[in-house]
Amino acid sequence: PGSRWHKQHHDALSLPVYVRDNSLLALGNNDQKPDYAWHEGTAFQLFHLEDGREARCDVPAADGSTIFTLKARRQG
């Protein structure tokens, strides 16, 4: 909860990803190379979206433009 330092040892394959609450994270479908069509087969994970909040994720093309934007909102 909140900003703080964590000290752990990891190799390149086990590095954890810390995600803030109210975040929408895009996960690609290719773990072999960094340059692929990010918008194809993308999975999204929503992290602890609080009531009344909105999360947004812009999915980029290779040229940096936005292919699409996904939003999630929680009410009630």
PDB file of N, CA and C in Angstrom:
ATOM      1  N   PRO A   1       0.819  -1.201   0.000  1.00  0.00           N
ATOM      2  CA  PRO A   1       0.000   0.000   0.000  1.00  0.00           C
ATOM      3  C   PRO A   1       0.856   1.255   0.000  1.00  0.00           C
ATOM      4  N   GLY A   2       0.848   1.971  -1.058  1.00  0.00           N
ATOM      5  CA  GLY A   2       1.558   3.229  -1.094  1.00  0.00           C
ATOM      6  C   GLY A   2       2.985   3.104  -1.579  1.00  0.00           C
ATOM      7  N   SER A   3       3.673   4.219  -1.610  1.00  0.00           N
ATOM      8  CA  SER A   3       5.046   4.272  -2.104  1.00  0.00           C
ATOM      9  C   SER A   3       6.015   3.848  -1.021  1.00  0.00           C
ATOM     10  N   ARG A   4       6.817   2.856  -1.333  1.00  0.00           N
ATOM     11  CA  ARG A   4       7.866   2.420  -0.415  1.00  0.00           C
ATOM     12  C   ARG A   4       8.874   1.602  -1.209  1.00  0.00           C
ATOM     13  N   TRP A   5      10.058   1.437  -0.651  1.00  0.00           N
ATOM     14  CA  TRP A   5      11.113   0.677  -1.295  1.00  0.00           C
ATOM     15  C   TRP A   5      10.966  -0.799  -0.963  1.00  0.00           C
ATOM     16  N   HIS A   6      11.259  -1.637  -1.944  1.00  0.00           N
ATOM     17  CA  HIS A   6      11.270  -3.087  -1.751  1.00  0.00           C
ATOM     18  C   HIS A   6      12.660  -3.576  -2.142  1.00  0.00           C
ATOM     19  N   LYS A   7      13.226  -4.473  -1.369  1.00  0.00           N
ATOM     20  CA  LYS A   7      14.533  -5.018  -1.695  1.00  0.00           C
ATOM     21  C   LYS A   7      14.399  -6.527  -1.803  1.00  0.00           C
ATOM     22  N   GLN A   8      14.591  -7.035  -3.028  1.00  0.00           N
ATOM     23  CA  GLN A   8      14.489  -8.463  -3.303  1.00  0.00           C
ATOM     24  C   GLN A   8      15.505  -8.812  -4.383  1.00  0.00           C
ATOM     25  N   HIS A   9      15.844 -10.086  -4.482  1.00  0.00           N
ATOM     26  CA  HIS A   9      16.758 -10.556  -5.522  1.00  0.00           C
ATOM     27  C   HIS A   9      15.974 -11.355  -6.557  1.00  0.00           C
ATOM     28  N   HIS A  10      16.190 -11.029  -7.855  1.00  0.00           N
ATOM     29  CA  HIS A  10      15.479 -11.698  -8.948  1.00  0.00           C
ATOM     30  C   HIS A  10      16.411 -11.860 -10.135  1.00  0.00           C
ATOM     31  N   ASP A  11      16.155 -12.910 -10.911  1.00  0.00           N
ATOM     32  CA  ASP A  11      16.841 -13.019 -12.193  1.00  0.00           C
ATOM     33  C   ASP A  11      15.957 -12.340 -13.243  1.00  0.00           C
ATOM     34  N   ALA A  12      16.376 -12.355 -14.497  1.00  0.00           N
ATOM     35  CA  ALA A  12      15.650 -11.646 -15.550  1.00  0.00           C
ATOM     36  C   ALA A  12      14.258 -12.209 -15.805  1.00  0.00           C
ATOM     37  N   LEU A  13      14.008 -13.440 -15.432  1.00  0.00           N
ATOM     38  CA  LEU A  13      12.719 -14.067 -15.716  1.00  0.00           C
ATOM     39  C   LEU A  13      11.726 -13.994 -14.560  1.00  0.00           C
ATOM     40  N   SER A  14      12.158 -13.552 -13.408  1.00  0.00           N
ATOM     41  CA  SER A  14      11.246 -13.548 -12.260  1.00  0.00           C
ATOM     42  C   SER A  14      10.996 -12.154 -11.685  1.00  0.00           C
ATOM     43  N   LEU A  15      11.393 -11.130 -12.390  1.00  0.00           N
ATOM     44  CA  LEU A  15      11.231  -9.773 -11.892  1.00  0.00           C
ATOM     45  C   LEU A  15       9.751  -9.430 -11.754  1.00  0.00           C
ATOM     46  N   PRO A  16       9.299  -9.076 -10.563  1.00  0.00           N
ATOM     47  CA  PRO A  16       7.880  -8.761 -10.374  1.00  0.00           C
ATOM     48  C   PRO A  16       7.526  -7.391 -10.959  1.00  0.00           C
ATOM     49  N   VAL A  17       6.282  -7.237 -11.297  1.00  0.00           N
ATOM     50  CA  VAL A  17       5.770  -5.957 -11.777  1.00  0.00           C
ATOM     51  C   VAL A  17       4.814  -5.429 -10.723  1.00  0.00           C
ATOM     52  N   TYR A  18       5.097  -4.257 -10.217  1.00  0.00           N
ATOM     53  CA  TYR A  18       4.227  -3.632  -9.233  1.00  0.00           C
ATOM     54  C   TYR A  18       3.305  -2.663  -9.966  1.00  0.00           C
ATOM     55  N   VAL A  19       2.019  -2.801  -9.740  1.00  0.00           N
ATOM     56  CA  VAL A  19       1.026  -2.000 -10.447  1.00  0.00           C
ATOM     57  C   VAL A  19       0.202  -1.215  -9.427  1.00  0.00           C
ATOM     58  N   ARG A  20       0.006   0.051  -9.686  1.00  0.00           N
ATOM     59  CA  ARG A  20      -0.780   0.900  -8.782  1.00  0.00           C
ATOM     60  C   ARG A  20      -2.255   0.508  -8.820  1.00  0.00           C
ATOM     61  N   ASP A  21      -2.939   0.742  -7.712  1.00  0.00           N
ATOM     62  CA  ASP A  21      -4.387   0.593  -7.689  1.00  0.00           C
ATOM     63  C   ASP A  21      -4.996   1.493  -8.758  1.00  0.00           C
ATOM     64  N   ASN A  22      -6.177   1.126  -9.230  1.00  0.00           N
ATOM     65  CA  ASN A  22      -6.918   1.893 -10.238  1.00  0.00           C
ATOM     66  C   ASN A  22      -6.186   1.945 -11.571  1.00  0.00           C
ATOM     67  N   SER A  23      -5.441   0.876 -11.894  1.00  0.00           N
ATOM     68  CA  SER A  23      -4.706   0.806 -13.152  1.00  0.00           C
ATOM     69  C   SER A  23      -5.283  -0.277 -14.049  1.00  0.00           C
ATOM     70  N   LEU A  24      -5.199  -0.037 -15.353  1.00  0.00           N
ATOM     71  CA  LEU A  24      -5.578  -1.000 -16.370  1.00  0.00           C
ATOM     72  C   LEU A  24      -4.310  -1.298 -17.160  1.00  0.00           C
ATOM     73  N   LEU A  25      -3.842  -2.533 -17.100  1.00  0.00           N
ATOM     74  CA  LEU A  25      -2.557  -2.913 -17.674  1.00  0.00           C
ATOM     75  C   LEU A  25      -2.760  -3.809 -18.884  1.00  0.00           C
ATOM     76  N   ALA A  26      -2.141  -3.454 -20.013  1.00  0.00           N
ATOM     77  CA  ALA A  26      -2.197  -4.266 -21.227  1.00  0.00           C
ATOM     78  C   ALA A  26      -1.057  -5.274 -21.203  1.00  0.00           C
ATOM     79  N   LEU A  27      -1.378  -6.526 -21.485  1.00  0.00           N
ATOM     80  CA  LEU A  27      -0.383  -7.593 -21.531  1.00  0.00           C
ATOM     81  C   LEU A  27      -0.366  -8.184 -22.932  1.00  0.00           C
ATOM     82  N   GLY A  28       0.788  -8.144 -23.572  1.00  0.00           N
ATOM     83  CA  GLY A  28       0.916  -8.660 -24.929  1.00  0.00           C
ATOM     84  C   GLY A  28       0.896 -10.170 -24.981  1.00  0.00           C
ATOM     85  N   ASN A  29       0.761 -10.701 -26.192  1.00  0.00           N
ATOM     86  CA  ASN A  29       0.671 -12.144 -26.361  1.00  0.00           C
ATOM     87  C   ASN A  29       1.948 -12.753 -26.933  1.00  0.00           C
ATOM     88  N   ASN A  30       3.048 -11.996 -26.935  1.00  0.00           N
ATOM     89  CA  ASN A  30       4.288 -12.488 -27.523  1.00  0.00           C
ATOM     90  C   ASN A  30       5.419 -12.308 -26.510  1.00  0.00           C
ATOM     91  N   ASP A  31       6.009 -13.405 -26.075  1.00  0.00           N
ATOM     92  CA  ASP A  31       7.126 -13.299 -25.133  1.00  0.00           C
ATOM     93  C   ASP A  31       8.460 -13.644 -25.786  1.00  0.00           C
ATOM     94  N   GLN A  32       8.493 -13.655 -27.126  1.00  0.00           N
ATOM     95  CA  GLN A  32       9.707 -14.002 -27.857  1.00  0.00           C
ATOM     96  C   GLN A  32      10.486 -12.789 -28.361  1.00  0.00           C
ATOM     97  N   LYS A  33       9.788 -11.684 -28.616  1.00  0.00           N
ATOM     98  CA  LYS A  33      10.471 -10.493 -29.126  1.00  0.00           C
ATOM     99  C   LYS A  33       9.674  -9.247 -28.757  1.00  0.00           C
ATOM    100  N   PRO A  34      10.330  -8.091 -28.680  1.00  0.00           N
ATOM    101  CA  PRO A  34       9.640  -6.875 -28.243  1.00  0.00           C
ATOM    102  C   PRO A  34       8.849  -6.172 -29.344  1.00  0.00           C
ATOM    103  N   ASP A  35       9.176  -6.430 -30.602  1.00  0.00           N
ATOM    104  CA  ASP A  35       8.501  -5.729 -31.700  1.00  0.00           C
ATOM    105  C   ASP A  35       7.497  -6.654 -32.390  1.00  0.00           C
ATOM    106  N   TYR A  36       6.258  -6.507 -32.007  1.00  0.00           N
ATOM    107  CA  TYR A  36       5.168  -7.284 -32.590  1.00  0.00           C
ATOM    108  C   TYR A  36       3.912  -6.429 -32.542  1.00  0.00           C
ATOM    109  N   ALA A  37       2.853  -6.894 -33.158  1.00  0.00           N
ATOM    110  CA  ALA A  37       1.590  -6.140 -33.177  1.00  0.00           C
ATOM    111  C   ALA A  37       0.950  -6.216 -31.796  1.00  0.00           C
ATOM    112  N   TRP A  38       1.195  -5.201 -30.982  1.00  0.00           N
ATOM    113  CA  TRP A  38       0.762  -5.202 -29.584  1.00  0.00           C
ATOM    114  C   TRP A  38      -0.749  -5.298 -29.432  1.00  0.00           C
ATOM    115  N   HIS A  39      -1.482  -4.842 -30.436  1.00  0.00           N
ATOM    116  CA  HIS A  39      -2.941  -4.820 -30.340  1.00  0.00           C
ATOM    117  C   HIS A  39      -3.588  -6.167 -30.672  1.00  0.00           C
ATOM    118  N   GLU A  40      -2.831  -7.133 -31.140  1.00  0.00           N
ATOM    119  CA  GLU A  40      -3.396  -8.433 -31.510  1.00  0.00           C
ATOM    120  C   GLU A  40      -3.304  -9.405 -30.336  1.00  0.00           C
ATOM    121  N   GLY A  41      -4.435  -9.849 -29.851  1.00  0.00           N
ATOM    122  CA  GLY A  41      -4.461 -10.814 -28.758  1.00  0.00           C
ATOM    123  C   GLY A  41      -4.094 -10.233 -27.408  1.00  0.00           C
ATOM    124  N   THR A  42      -4.231  -8.935 -27.260  1.00  0.00           N
ATOM    125  CA  THR A  42      -3.889  -8.279 -25.999  1.00  0.00           C
ATOM    126  C   THR A  42      -4.868  -8.675 -24.900  1.00  0.00           C
ATOM    127  N   ALA A  43      -4.339  -8.956 -23.730  1.00  0.00           N
ATOM    128  CA  ALA A  43      -5.171  -9.208 -22.546  1.00  0.00           C
ATOM    129  C   ALA A  43      -5.012  -8.007 -21.623  1.00  0.00           C
ATOM    130  N   PHE A  44      -6.057  -7.678 -20.915  1.00  0.00           N
ATOM    131  CA  PHE A  44      -6.026  -6.535 -20.005  1.00  0.00           C
ATOM    132  C   PHE A  44      -6.313  -7.008 -18.593  1.00  0.00           C
ATOM    133  N   GLN A  45      -5.588  -6.426 -17.645  1.00  0.00           N
ATOM    134  CA  GLN A  45      -5.841  -6.725 -16.235  1.00  0.00           C
ATOM    135  C   GLN A  45      -6.139  -5.417 -15.519  1.00  0.00           C
ATOM    136  N   LEU A  46      -7.217  -5.445 -14.758  1.00  0.00           N
ATOM    137  CA  LEU A  46      -7.662  -4.288 -14.004  1.00  0.00           C
ATOM    138  C   LEU A  46      -7.297  -4.508 -12.543  1.00  0.00           C
ATOM    139  N   PHE A  47      -6.639  -3.517 -11.935  1.00  0.00           N
ATOM    140  CA  PHE A  47      -6.127  -3.664 -10.581  1.00  0.00           C
ATOM    141  C   PHE A  47      -6.862  -2.767  -9.598  1.00  0.00           C
ATOM    142  N   HIS A  48      -7.597  -3.398  -8.683  1.00  0.00           N
ATOM    143  CA  HIS A  48      -8.258  -2.757  -7.547  1.00  0.00           C
ATOM    144  C   HIS A  48      -8.881  -1.422  -7.914  1.00  0.00           C
ATOM    145  N   LEU A  49      -9.857  -1.468  -8.815  1.00  0.00           N
ATOM    146  CA  LEU A  49     -10.544  -0.246  -9.226  1.00  0.00           C
ATOM    147  C   LEU A  49     -11.523   0.171  -8.134  1.00  0.00           C
ATOM    148  N   GLU A  50     -11.291   1.343  -7.574  1.00  0.00           N
ATOM    149  CA  GLU A  50     -12.115   1.853  -6.480  1.00  0.00           C
ATOM    150  C   GLU A  50     -13.407   2.455  -7.020  1.00  0.00           C
ATOM    151  N   ASP A  51     -14.430   2.457  -6.190  1.00  0.00           N
ATOM    152  CA  ASP A  51     -15.727   3.002  -6.565  1.00  0.00           C
ATOM    153  C   ASP A  51     -15.592   4.463  -6.988  1.00  0.00           C
ATOM    154  N   GLY A  52     -16.196   4.792  -8.119  1.00  0.00           N
ATOM    155  CA  GLY A  52     -16.155   6.156  -8.627  1.00  0.00           C
ATOM    156  C   GLY A  52     -14.922   6.489  -9.438  1.00  0.00           C
ATOM    157  N   ARG A  53     -14.024   5.543  -9.611  1.00  0.00           N
ATOM    158  CA  ARG A  53     -12.770   5.788 -10.343  1.00  0.00           C
ATOM    159  C   ARG A  53     -12.837   5.219 -11.752  1.00  0.00           C
ATOM    160  N   GLU A  54     -11.960   5.726 -12.609  1.00  0.00           N
ATOM    161  CA  GLU A  54     -11.841   5.239 -13.978  1.00  0.00           C
ATOM    162  C   GLU A  54     -10.386   4.895 -14.253  1.00  0.00           C
ATOM    163  N   ALA A  55     -10.173   3.818 -14.978  1.00  0.00           N
ATOM    164  CA  ALA A  55      -8.829   3.438 -15.421  1.00  0.00           C
ATOM    165  C   ALA A  55      -8.828   3.477 -16.943  1.00  0.00           C
ATOM    166  N   ARG A  56      -7.681   3.802 -17.524  1.00  0.00           N
ATOM    167  CA  ARG A  56      -7.581   3.959 -18.974  1.00  0.00           C
ATOM    168  C   ARG A  56      -6.268   3.356 -19.447  1.00  0.00           C
ATOM    169  N   CYS A  57      -6.300   2.741 -20.622  1.00  0.00           N
ATOM    170  CA  CYS A  57      -5.089   2.180 -21.213  1.00  0.00           C
ATOM    171  C   CYS A  57      -5.087   2.480 -22.706  1.00  0.00           C
ATOM    172  N   ASP A  58      -4.076   3.202 -23.173  1.00  0.00           N
ATOM    173  CA  ASP A  58      -3.899   3.474 -24.598  1.00  0.00           C
ATOM    174  C   ASP A  58      -2.982   2.401 -25.169  1.00  0.00           C
ATOM    175  N   VAL A  59      -3.417   1.741 -26.243  1.00  0.00           N
ATOM    176  CA  VAL A  59      -2.604   0.701 -26.878  1.00  0.00           C
ATOM    177  C   VAL A  59      -1.949   1.308 -28.112  1.00  0.00           C
ATOM    178  N   PRO A  60      -0.607   1.358 -28.137  1.00  0.00           N
ATOM    179  CA  PRO A  60       0.096   2.039 -29.220  1.00  0.00           C
ATOM    180  C   PRO A  60       0.389   1.138 -30.419  1.00  0.00           C
ATOM    181  N   ALA A  61       0.523   1.790 -31.566  1.00  0.00           N
ATOM    182  CA  ALA A  61       1.031   1.145 -32.777  1.00  0.00           C
ATOM    183  C   ALA A  61       2.548   1.301 -32.776  1.00  0.00           C
ATOM    184  N   ALA A  62       3.208   0.628 -33.700  1.00  0.00           N
ATOM    185  CA  ALA A  62       4.672   0.697 -33.781  1.00  0.00           C
ATOM    186  C   ALA A  62       5.160   2.123 -34.037  1.00  0.00           C
ATOM    187  N   ASP A  63       4.346   2.938 -34.714  1.00  0.00           N
ATOM    188  CA  ASP A  63       4.758   4.313 -35.016  1.00  0.00           C
ATOM    189  C   ASP A  63       4.467   5.295 -33.880  1.00  0.00           C
ATOM    190  N   GLY A  64       3.915   4.793 -32.774  1.00  0.00           N
ATOM    191  CA  GLY A  64       3.648   5.640 -31.621  1.00  0.00           C
ATOM    192  C   GLY A  64       2.238   6.183 -31.549  1.00  0.00           C
ATOM    193  N   SER A  65       1.478   6.051 -32.622  1.00  0.00           N
ATOM    194  CA  SER A  65       0.085   6.498 -32.581  1.00  0.00           C
ATOM    195  C   SER A  65      -0.738   5.536 -31.720  1.00  0.00           C
ATOM    196  N   THR A  66      -1.907   5.955 -31.322  1.00  0.00           N
ATOM    197  CA  THR A  66      -2.777   5.113 -30.504  1.00  0.00           C
ATOM    198  C   THR A  66      -3.731   4.342 -31.400  1.00  0.00           C
ATOM    199  N   ILE A  67      -3.702   3.010 -31.287  1.00  0.00           N
ATOM    200  CA  ILE A  67      -4.608   2.171 -32.073  1.00  0.00           C
ATOM    201  C   ILE A  67      -5.998   2.186 -31.452  1.00  0.00           C
ATOM    202  N   PHE A  68      -6.057   1.989 -30.150  1.00  0.00           N
ATOM    203  CA  PHE A  68      -7.329   2.102 -29.447  1.00  0.00           C
ATOM    204  C   PHE A  68      -7.080   2.378 -27.977  1.00  0.00           C
ATOM    205  N   THR A  69      -8.134   2.826 -27.328  1.00  0.00           N
ATOM    206  CA  THR A  69      -8.106   3.127 -25.904  1.00  0.00           C
ATOM    207  C   THR A  69      -9.182   2.310 -25.215  1.00  0.00           C
ATOM    208  N   LEU A  70      -8.813   1.656 -24.134  1.00  0.00           N
ATOM    209  CA  LEU A  70      -9.765   0.896 -23.336  1.00  0.00           C
ATOM    210  C   LEU A  70      -9.936   1.618 -22.009  1.00  0.00           C
ATOM    211  N   LYS A  71     -11.187   1.777 -21.589  1.00  0.00           N
ATOM    212  CA  LYS A  71     -11.485   2.430 -20.315  1.00  0.00           C
ATOM    213  C   LYS A  71     -12.364   1.512 -19.482  1.00  0.00           C
ATOM    214  N   ALA A  72     -12.179   1.578 -18.186  1.00  0.00           N
ATOM    215  CA  ALA A  72     -13.032   0.854 -17.243  1.00  0.00           C
ATOM    216  C   ALA A  72     -13.437   1.841 -16.160  1.00  0.00           C
ATOM    217  N   ARG A  73     -14.698   1.780 -15.761  1.00  0.00           N
ATOM    218  CA  ARG A  73     -15.202   2.681 -14.730  1.00  0.00           C
ATOM    219  C   ARG A  73     -16.006   1.853 -13.734  1.00  0.00           C
ATOM    220  N   ARG A  74     -15.851   2.157 -12.469  1.00  0.00           N
ATOM    221  CA  ARG A  74     -16.610   1.457 -11.433  1.00  0.00           C
ATOM    222  C   ARG A  74     -17.541   2.444 -10.744  1.00  0.00           C
ATOM    223  N   GLN A  75     -18.802   2.078 -10.719  1.00  0.00           N
ATOM    224  CA  GLN A  75     -19.801   2.892 -10.031  1.00  0.00           C
ATOM    225  C   GLN A  75     -20.718   1.955  -9.262  1.00  0.00           C
ATOM    226  N   GLY A  76     -20.753   2.122  -7.969  1.00  0.00           N
ATOM    227  CA  GLY A  76     -21.660   1.321  -7.145  1.00  0.00           C
ATOM    228  C   GLY A  76     -21.084   0.071  -6.588  1.00  0.00           C
TER     229      GLY A  76
END
